[in-house]
Amino acid sequence: MAHTAPRRATYATRRTGRRHPLVATLMALPLAALLLLVFDGWETVATQASSVGAMLGR
């Protein structure tokens, strides 16, 4: 039987760890803008921003 090269993973491996706060903020901004448009209120945006801050541990 012939020996073949080992198979490589064809998918990217994910890094474990925390995201940079700027990346998390950029991910949350579209949702915050959508909530602002749908519910037409700054209170919703402030609540969402507060939740993101709490998730970041700030």
Protein backbone atom coordinates (compact mmCIF):
# COMPACT_ATOMS: atom_id res chain seq x y z
CA MET A 1 0.00 0.00 0.00
CA ALA A 2 1.36 3.44 -0.92
CA HIS A 3 2.07 6.05 1.70
CA THR A 4 0.28 9.33 1.09
CA ALA A 5 0.77 12.78 2.53
CA PRO A 6 -1.24 13.54 5.66
CA ARG A 7 -4.48 15.37 5.13
CA ARG A 8 -4.71 18.98 6.10
CA ALA A 9 -7.72 20.69 7.59
CA THR A 10 -9.44 22.68 4.86
CA TYR A 11 -11.26 24.91 7.27
CA ALA A 12 -9.82 27.81 9.23
CA THR A 13 -9.25 27.24 12.90
CA ARG A 14 -10.83 29.74 15.26
CA ARG A 15 -8.77 31.49 17.85
CA THR A 16 -9.98 31.17 21.37
CA GLY A 17 -9.90 34.22 23.53
CA ARG A 18 -11.49 37.60 23.82
CA ARG A 19 -12.39 39.94 21.01
CA HIS A 20 -10.92 43.38 20.82
CA PRO A 21 -13.40 45.94 22.22
CA LEU A 22 -13.41 47.83 18.92
CA VAL A 23 -14.44 44.68 17.04
CA ALA A 24 -17.25 44.03 19.53
CA THR A 25 -18.42 47.63 19.16
CA LEU A 26 -18.40 47.42 15.37
CA MET A 27 -20.46 44.23 15.60
CA ALA A 28 -23.04 45.88 17.87
CA LEU A 29 -23.42 49.16 15.97
CA PRO A 30 -25.58 47.81 13.12
CA LEU A 31 -28.00 46.28 15.64
CA ALA A 32 -28.11 49.52 17.58
CA ALA A 33 -28.87 51.48 14.38
CA LEU A 34 -31.60 49.00 13.47
CA LEU A 35 -33.18 49.34 16.92
CA LEU A 36 -33.02 53.12 16.57
CA LEU A 37 -34.89 52.97 13.27
CA VAL A 38 -37.45 50.34 14.30
CA PHE A 39 -38.32 51.67 17.74
CA ASP A 40 -37.51 55.33 17.03
CA GLY A 41 -35.91 56.02 20.37
CA TRP A 42 -32.55 56.82 21.89
CA GLU A 43 -33.46 54.82 24.99
CA THR A 44 -33.17 51.60 23.02
CA VAL A 45 -29.76 52.57 21.68
CA ALA A 46 -28.58 53.51 25.16
CA THR A 47 -29.82 50.18 26.54
CA GLN A 48 -28.02 48.26 23.79
CA ALA A 49 -24.81 50.20 24.35
CA SER A 50 -25.06 49.52 28.06
CA SER A 51 -25.50 45.80 27.41
CA VAL A 52 -22.44 45.74 25.14
CA GLY A 53 -20.45 47.56 27.81
CA ALA A 54 -21.55 45.02 30.40
CA MET A 55 -20.50 42.14 28.15
CA LEU A 56 -17.09 43.74 27.72
CA GLY A 57 -16.78 44.02 31.46
CA ARG A 58 -16.63 47.80 31.57
